[in-house]
Every structure is written in structure tokens, then in C-alpha cells.
Amino acid sequence: ATDELFLRQAIELAERGRFTCAPNPCVG
């Protein structure tokens, strides 16, 4: 439960690079 909670926060961080990071993938 804790691991998934923190992972989802990492995914939210990754979204912040959505419009600028290509061709690399979004990563948080």
C-alpha cells in the first residue's frame, strides 16, 4: 500500500514533463 502510494506520486511528477521531454519518456 505504501509503495503504491509513493509510486503514484512519482507518476504525478512524471506528468509535469509531458509537454517537453520527448523523445525521452516521461519519468518521475
PDB file of all heavy atoms in Angstrom:
ATOM      1  N   ALA A   1       0.835  -1.205   0.000  1.00  0.00           N
ATOM      2  CA  ALA A   1       0.000   0.000   0.000  1.00  0.00           C
ATOM      3  C   ALA A   1       0.868   1.253   0.000  1.00  0.00           C
ATOM      4  O   ALA A   1       0.629   2.201  -0.750  1.00  0.00           O
ATOM      5  CB  ALA A   1      -0.941  -0.009   1.200  1.00  0.00           C
ATOM      6  N   THR A   2       1.905   1.262   0.841  1.00  0.00           N
ATOM      7  CA  THR A   2       2.800   2.421   0.909  1.00  0.00           C
ATOM      8  C   THR A   2       3.591   2.577  -0.378  1.00  0.00           C
ATOM      9  O   THR A   2       3.736   3.686  -0.906  1.00  0.00           O
ATOM     10  CB  THR A   2       3.763   2.277   2.102  1.00  0.00           C
ATOM     11  OG1 THR A   2       3.003   2.201   3.307  1.00  0.00           O
ATOM     12  CG2 THR A   2       4.710   3.461   2.173  1.00  0.00           C
ATOM     13  N   ASP A   3       4.109   1.453  -0.888  1.00  0.00           N
ATOM     14  CA  ASP A   3       4.872   1.511  -2.133  1.00  0.00           C
ATOM     15  C   ASP A   3       4.019   2.048  -3.285  1.00  0.00           C
ATOM     16  O   ASP A   3       4.480   2.886  -4.078  1.00  0.00           O
ATOM     17  CB  ASP A   3       5.406   0.120  -2.491  1.00  0.00           C
ATOM     18  CG  ASP A   3       6.623  -0.272  -1.660  1.00  0.00           C
ATOM     19  OD1 ASP A   3       7.179   0.614  -0.976  1.00  0.00           O
ATOM     20  OD2 ASP A   3       7.013  -1.452  -1.692  1.00  0.00           O
ATOM     21  N   GLU A   4       2.791   1.595  -3.392  1.00  0.00           N
ATOM     22  CA  GLU A   4       1.925   2.062  -4.477  1.00  0.00           C
ATOM     23  C   GLU A   4       1.584   3.537  -4.315  1.00  0.00           C
ATOM     24  O   GLU A   4       1.488   4.282  -5.301  1.00  0.00           O
ATOM     25  CB  GLU A   4       0.649   1.214  -4.542  1.00  0.00           C
ATOM     26  CG  GLU A   4       0.895  -0.191  -5.063  1.00  0.00           C
ATOM     27  CD  GLU A   4      -0.403  -0.949  -5.302  1.00  0.00           C
ATOM     28  OE1 GLU A   4      -1.442  -0.293  -5.538  1.00  0.00           O
ATOM     29  OE2 GLU A   4      -0.373  -2.191  -5.262  1.00  0.00           O
ATOM     30  N   LEU A   5       1.403   3.968  -3.078  1.00  0.00           N
ATOM     31  CA  LEU A   5       1.108   5.383  -2.824  1.00  0.00           C
ATOM     32  C   LEU A   5       2.242   6.268  -3.311  1.00  0.00           C
ATOM     33  O   LEU A   5       2.011   7.266  -4.022  1.00  0.00           O
ATOM     34  CB  LEU A   5       0.878   5.603  -1.327  1.00  0.00           C
ATOM     35  CG  LEU A   5       0.654   7.061  -0.892  1.00  0.00           C
ATOM     36  CD1 LEU A   5      -0.645   7.593  -1.480  1.00  0.00           C
ATOM     37  CD2 LEU A   5       0.632   7.155   0.641  1.00  0.00           C
ATOM     38  N   PHE A   6       3.472   5.905  -2.969  1.00  0.00           N
ATOM     39  CA  PHE A   6       4.616   6.708  -3.390  1.00  0.00           C
ATOM     40  C   PHE A   6       4.848   6.601  -4.900  1.00  0.00           C
ATOM     41  O   PHE A   6       5.260   7.575  -5.549  1.00  0.00           O
ATOM     42  CB  PHE A   6       5.872   6.299  -2.619  1.00  0.00           C
ATOM     43  CG  PHE A   6       5.901   6.806  -1.200  1.00  0.00           C
ATOM     44  CD1 PHE A   6       6.216   5.951  -0.140  1.00  0.00           C
ATOM     45  CD2 PHE A   6       5.632   8.131  -0.910  1.00  0.00           C
ATOM     46  CE1 PHE A   6       6.243   6.414   1.168  1.00  0.00           C
ATOM     47  CE2 PHE A   6       5.659   8.614   0.393  1.00  0.00           C
ATOM     48  CZ  PHE A   6       5.962   7.757   1.431  1.00  0.00           C
ATOM     49  N   LEU A   7       4.586   5.420  -5.461  1.00  0.00           N
ATOM     50  CA  LEU A   7       4.744   5.263  -6.908  1.00  0.00           C
ATOM     51  C   LEU A   7       3.775   6.167  -7.663  1.00  0.00           C
ATOM     52  O   LEU A   7       4.129   6.775  -8.682  1.00  0.00           O
ATOM     53  CB  LEU A   7       4.517   3.807  -7.326  1.00  0.00           C
ATOM     54  CG  LEU A   7       5.695   2.847  -7.203  1.00  0.00           C
ATOM     55  CD1 LEU A   7       5.278   1.458  -7.669  1.00  0.00           C
ATOM     56  CD2 LEU A   7       6.896   3.333  -8.019  1.00  0.00           C
ATOM     57  N   ARG A   8       2.563   6.277  -7.156  1.00  0.00           N
ATOM     58  CA  ARG A   8       1.579   7.134  -7.824  1.00  0.00           C
ATOM     59  C   ARG A   8       1.989   8.607  -7.734  1.00  0.00           C
ATOM     60  O   ARG A   8       1.714   9.381  -8.648  1.00  0.00           O
ATOM     61  CB  ARG A   8       0.183   6.891  -7.251  1.00  0.00           C
ATOM     62  CG  ARG A   8      -0.395   5.554  -7.698  1.00  0.00           C
ATOM     63  CD  ARG A   8      -1.885   5.420  -7.446  1.00  0.00           C
ATOM     64  NE  ARG A   8      -2.396   4.306  -8.222  1.00  0.00           N
ATOM     65  CZ  ARG A   8      -2.421   3.043  -7.819  1.00  0.00           C
ATOM     66  NH1 ARG A   8      -1.953   2.739  -6.615  1.00  0.00           N
ATOM     67  NH2 ARG A   8      -2.888   2.079  -8.597  1.00  0.00           N
ATOM     68  N   GLN A   9       2.653   8.966  -6.662  1.00  0.00           N
ATOM     69  CA  GLN A   9       3.170  10.328  -6.581  1.00  0.00           C
ATOM     70  C   GLN A   9       4.291  10.542  -7.608  1.00  0.00           C
ATOM     71  O   GLN A   9       4.414  11.620  -8.189  1.00  0.00           O
ATOM     72  CB  GLN A   9       3.685  10.620  -5.176  1.00  0.00           C
ATOM     73  CG  GLN A   9       2.579  10.718  -4.129  1.00  0.00           C
ATOM     74  CD  GLN A   9       3.111  11.163  -2.781  1.00  0.00           C
ATOM     75  OE1 GLN A   9       3.830  12.146  -2.669  1.00  0.00           O
ATOM     76  NE2 GLN A   9       2.755  10.429  -1.739  1.00  0.00           N
ATOM     77  N   ALA A  10       5.087   9.502  -7.835  1.00  0.00           N
ATOM     78  CA  ALA A  10       6.139   9.580  -8.855  1.00  0.00           C
ATOM     79  C   ALA A  10       5.534   9.732 -10.244  1.00  0.00           C
ATOM     80  O   ALA A  10       6.052  10.482 -11.087  1.00  0.00           O
ATOM     81  CB  ALA A  10       7.035   8.341  -8.796  1.00  0.00           C
ATOM     82  N   ILE A  11       4.422   9.037 -10.491  1.00  0.00           N
ATOM     83  CA  ILE A  11       3.735   9.150 -11.780  1.00  0.00           C
ATOM     84  C   ILE A  11       3.185  10.559 -11.974  1.00  0.00           C
ATOM     85  O   ILE A  11       3.264  11.137 -13.063  1.00  0.00           O
ATOM     86  CB  ILE A  11       2.614   8.094 -11.879  1.00  0.00           C
ATOM     87  CG1 ILE A  11       3.232   6.685 -11.934  1.00  0.00           C
ATOM     88  CG2 ILE A  11       1.737   8.337 -13.100  1.00  0.00           C
ATOM     89  CD1 ILE A  11       2.225   5.567 -11.778  1.00  0.00           C
ATOM     90  N   GLU A  12       2.638  11.146 -10.919  1.00  0.00           N
ATOM     91  CA  GLU A  12       2.149  12.525 -10.990  1.00  0.00           C
ATOM     92  C   GLU A  12       3.295  13.491 -11.315  1.00  0.00           C
ATOM     93  O   GLU A  12       3.130  14.436 -12.089  1.00  0.00           O
ATOM     94  CB  GLU A  12       1.481  12.920  -9.675  1.00  0.00           C
ATOM     95  CG  GLU A  12       0.157  12.217  -9.415  1.00  0.00           C
ATOM     96  CD  GLU A  12      -0.451  12.602  -8.080  1.00  0.00           C
ATOM     97  OE1 GLU A  12       0.073  13.529  -7.423  1.00  0.00           O
ATOM     98  OE2 GLU A  12      -1.453  11.980  -7.681  1.00  0.00           O
ATOM     99  N   LEU A  13       4.451  13.250 -10.736  1.00  0.00           N
ATOM    100  CA  LEU A  13       5.614  14.080 -11.050  1.00  0.00           C
ATOM    101  C   LEU A  13       6.008  13.929 -12.519  1.00  0.00           C
ATOM    102  O   LEU A  13       6.345  14.912 -13.188  1.00  0.00           O
ATOM    103  CB  LEU A  13       6.794  13.684 -10.160  1.00  0.00           C
ATOM    104  CG  LEU A  13       6.753  14.150  -8.707  1.00  0.00           C
ATOM    105  CD1 LEU A  13       7.818  13.425  -7.892  1.00  0.00           C
ATOM    106  CD2 LEU A  13       6.980  15.664  -8.629  1.00  0.00           C
ATOM    107  N   ALA A  14       5.952  12.696 -13.017  1.00  0.00           N
ATOM    108  CA  ALA A  14       6.335  12.435 -14.407  1.00  0.00           C
ATOM    109  C   ALA A  14       5.480  13.237 -15.377  1.00  0.00           C
ATOM    110  O   ALA A  14       5.970  13.728 -16.409  1.00  0.00           O
ATOM    111  CB  ALA A  14       6.222  10.940 -14.711  1.00  0.00           C
ATOM    112  N   GLU A  15       4.212  13.408 -15.062  1.00  0.00           N
ATOM    113  CA  GLU A  15       3.291  14.147 -15.933  1.00  0.00           C
ATOM    114  C   GLU A  15       3.739  15.591 -16.145  1.00  0.00           C
ATOM    115  O   GLU A  15       3.399  16.211 -17.153  1.00  0.00           O
ATOM    116  CB  GLU A  15       1.878  14.133 -15.347  1.00  0.00           C
ATOM    117  CG  GLU A  15       1.118  12.842 -15.567  1.00  0.00           C
ATOM    118  CD  GLU A  15       0.584  12.703 -16.982  1.00  0.00           C
ATOM    119  OE1 GLU A  15       0.790  13.636 -17.793  1.00  0.00           O
ATOM    120  OE2 GLU A  15      -0.024  11.671 -17.288  1.00  0.00           O
ATOM    121  N   ARG A  16       4.520  16.119 -15.220  1.00  0.00           N
ATOM    122  CA  ARG A  16       4.953  17.514 -15.329  1.00  0.00           C
ATOM    123  C   ARG A  16       5.940  17.722 -16.482  1.00  0.00           C
ATOM    124  O   ARG A  16       6.153  18.845 -16.934  1.00  0.00           O
ATOM    125  CB  ARG A  16       5.552  17.983 -14.004  1.00  0.00           C
ATOM    126  CG  ARG A  16       4.528  18.015 -12.870  1.00  0.00           C
ATOM    127  CD  ARG A  16       5.150  18.288 -11.527  1.00  0.00           C
ATOM    128  NE  ARG A  16       5.780  19.607 -11.470  1.00  0.00           N
ATOM    129  CZ  ARG A  16       6.423  20.083 -10.397  1.00  0.00           C
ATOM    130  NH1 ARG A  16       6.509  19.329  -9.292  1.00  0.00           N
ATOM    131  NH2 ARG A  16       6.963  21.278 -10.425  1.00  0.00           N
ATOM    132  N   GLY A  17       6.520  16.638 -16.975  1.00  0.00           N
ATOM    133  CA  GLY A  17       7.411  16.735 -18.126  1.00  0.00           C
ATOM    134  C   GLY A  17       6.750  16.323 -19.425  1.00  0.00           C
ATOM    135  O   GLY A  17       7.415  16.198 -20.455  1.00  0.00           O
ATOM    136  N   ARG A  18       5.447  16.128 -19.383  1.00  0.00           N
ATOM    137  CA  ARG A  18       4.694  15.590 -20.512  1.00  0.00           C
ATOM    138  C   ARG A  18       4.919  16.373 -21.804  1.00  0.00           C
ATOM    139  O   ARG A  18       5.073  15.799 -22.880  1.00  0.00           O
ATOM    140  CB  ARG A  18       3.206  15.591 -20.155  1.00  0.00           C
ATOM    141  CG  ARG A  18       2.256  15.357 -21.315  1.00  0.00           C
ATOM    142  CD  ARG A  18       2.327  13.961 -21.837  1.00  0.00           C
ATOM    143  NE  ARG A  18       1.634  13.032 -20.950  1.00  0.00           N
ATOM    144  CZ  ARG A  18       1.607  11.723 -21.155  1.00  0.00           C
ATOM    145  NH1 ARG A  18       2.263  11.195 -22.178  1.00  0.00           N
ATOM    146  NH2 ARG A  18       0.952  10.926 -20.324  1.00  0.00           N
ATOM    147  N   PHE A  19       4.925  17.700 -21.739  1.00  0.00           N
ATOM    148  CA  PHE A  19       4.956  18.517 -22.948  1.00  0.00           C
ATOM    149  C   PHE A  19       6.354  18.861 -23.438  1.00  0.00           C
ATOM    150  O   PHE A  19       6.494  19.538 -24.462  1.00  0.00           O
ATOM    151  CB  PHE A  19       4.189  19.830 -22.711  1.00  0.00           C
ATOM    152  CG  PHE A  19       2.758  19.652 -22.276  1.00  0.00           C
ATOM    153  CD1 PHE A  19       2.159  20.586 -21.446  1.00  0.00           C
ATOM    154  CD2 PHE A  19       2.013  18.559 -22.682  1.00  0.00           C
ATOM    155  CE1 PHE A  19       0.841  20.437 -21.043  1.00  0.00           C
ATOM    156  CE2 PHE A  19       0.696  18.399 -22.285  1.00  0.00           C
ATOM    157  CZ  PHE A  19       0.104  19.336 -21.457  1.00  0.00           C
ATOM    158  N   THR A  20       7.385  18.413 -22.731  1.00  0.00           N
ATOM    159  CA  THR A  20       8.733  18.889 -23.072  1.00  0.00           C
ATOM    160  C   THR A  20       9.797  17.800 -23.198  1.00  0.00           C
ATOM    161  O   THR A  20      10.880  18.094 -23.712  1.00  0.00           O
ATOM    162  CB  THR A  20       9.224  19.897 -22.011  1.00  0.00           C
ATOM    163  OG1 THR A  20       9.188  19.279 -20.717  1.00  0.00           O
ATOM    164  CG2 THR A  20       8.356  21.148 -21.991  1.00  0.00           C
ATOM    165  N   CYS A  21       9.543  16.576 -22.745  1.00  0.00           N
ATOM    166  CA  CYS A  21      10.655  15.620 -22.610  1.00  0.00           C
ATOM    167  C   CYS A  21      10.891  14.718 -23.820  1.00  0.00           C
ATOM    168  O   CYS A  21      11.877  13.989 -23.853  1.00  0.00           O
ATOM    169  CB  CYS A  21      10.462  14.762 -21.361  1.00  0.00           C
ATOM    170  SG  CYS A  21       9.089  13.596 -21.462  1.00  0.00           S
ATOM    171  N   ALA A  22      10.010  14.705 -24.803  1.00  0.00           N
ATOM    172  CA  ALA A  22      10.196  13.829 -25.968  1.00  0.00           C
ATOM    173  C   ALA A  22      11.509  14.186 -26.685  1.00  0.00           C
ATOM    174  O   ALA A  22      11.924  15.345 -26.685  1.00  0.00           O
ATOM    175  CB  ALA A  22       9.025  13.976 -26.924  1.00  0.00           C
ATOM    176  N   PRO A  23      12.179  13.194 -27.269  1.00  0.00           N
ATOM    177  CA  PRO A  23      11.745  11.819 -27.481  1.00  0.00           C
ATOM    178  C   PRO A  23      11.905  10.889 -26.277  1.00  0.00           C
ATOM    179  O   PRO A  23      11.577   9.709 -26.366  1.00  0.00           O
ATOM    180  CB  PRO A  23      12.634  11.350 -28.627  1.00  0.00           C
ATOM    181  CG  PRO A  23      13.909  12.108 -28.412  1.00  0.00           C
ATOM    182  CD  PRO A  23      13.483  13.464 -27.922  1.00  0.00           C
ATOM    183  N   ASN A  24      12.436  11.401 -25.175  1.00  0.00           N
ATOM    184  CA  ASN A  24      12.551  10.577 -23.978  1.00  0.00           C
ATOM    185  C   ASN A  24      11.167  10.354 -23.361  1.00  0.00           C
ATOM    186  O   ASN A  24      10.255  11.157 -23.573  1.00  0.00           O
ATOM    187  CB  ASN A  24      13.468  11.235 -22.949  1.00  0.00           C
ATOM    188  CG  ASN A  24      14.919  11.228 -23.374  1.00  0.00           C
ATOM    189  OD1 ASN A  24      15.279  10.591 -24.359  1.00  0.00           O
ATOM    190  ND2 ASN A  24      15.763  11.937 -22.661  1.00  0.00           N
ATOM    191  N   PRO A  25      11.001   9.308 -22.577  1.00  0.00           N
ATOM    192  CA  PRO A  25       9.721   9.080 -21.908  1.00  0.00           C
ATOM    193  C   PRO A  25       9.551   9.993 -20.701  1.00  0.00           C
ATOM    194  O   PRO A  25      10.537  10.505 -20.146  1.00  0.00           O
ATOM    195  CB  PRO A  25       9.815   7.609 -21.473  1.00  0.00           C
ATOM    196  CG  PRO A  25      11.286   7.396 -21.255  1.00  0.00           C
ATOM    197  CD  PRO A  25      11.973   8.227 -22.313  1.00  0.00           C
ATOM    198  N   CYS A  26       8.317  10.205 -20.289  1.00  0.00           N
ATOM    199  CA  CYS A  26       8.034  10.924 -19.045  1.00  0.00           C
ATOM    200  C   CYS A  26       8.452  10.037 -17.872  1.00  0.00           C
ATOM    201  O   CYS A  26       8.069   8.867 -17.817  1.00  0.00           O
ATOM    202  CB  CYS A  26       6.548  11.223 -18.915  1.00  0.00           C
ATOM    203  SG  CYS A  26       5.840  12.164 -20.262  1.00  0.00           S
ATOM    204  N   VAL A  27       9.207  10.586 -16.930  1.00  0.00           N
ATOM    205  CA  VAL A  27       9.637   9.828 -15.751  1.00  0.00           C
ATOM    206  C   VAL A  27       9.582  10.737 -14.530  1.00  0.00           C
ATOM    207  O   VAL A  27      10.004  11.892 -14.587  1.00  0.00           O
ATOM    208  CB  VAL A  27      11.074   9.264 -15.908  1.00  0.00           C
ATOM    209  CG1 VAL A  27      11.436   8.396 -14.704  1.00  0.00           C
ATOM    210  CG2 VAL A  27      11.212   8.463 -17.192  1.00  0.00           C
ATOM    211  N   GLY A  28       9.068  10.191 -13.431  1.00  0.00           N
ATOM    212  CA  GLY A  28       9.064  10.895 -12.158  1.00  0.00           C
ATOM    213  C   GLY A  28       9.736  10.060 -11.087  1.00  0.00           C
ATOM    214  O   GLY A  28       9.761   8.826 -11.165  1.00  0.00           O
TER     215      GLY A  28
END
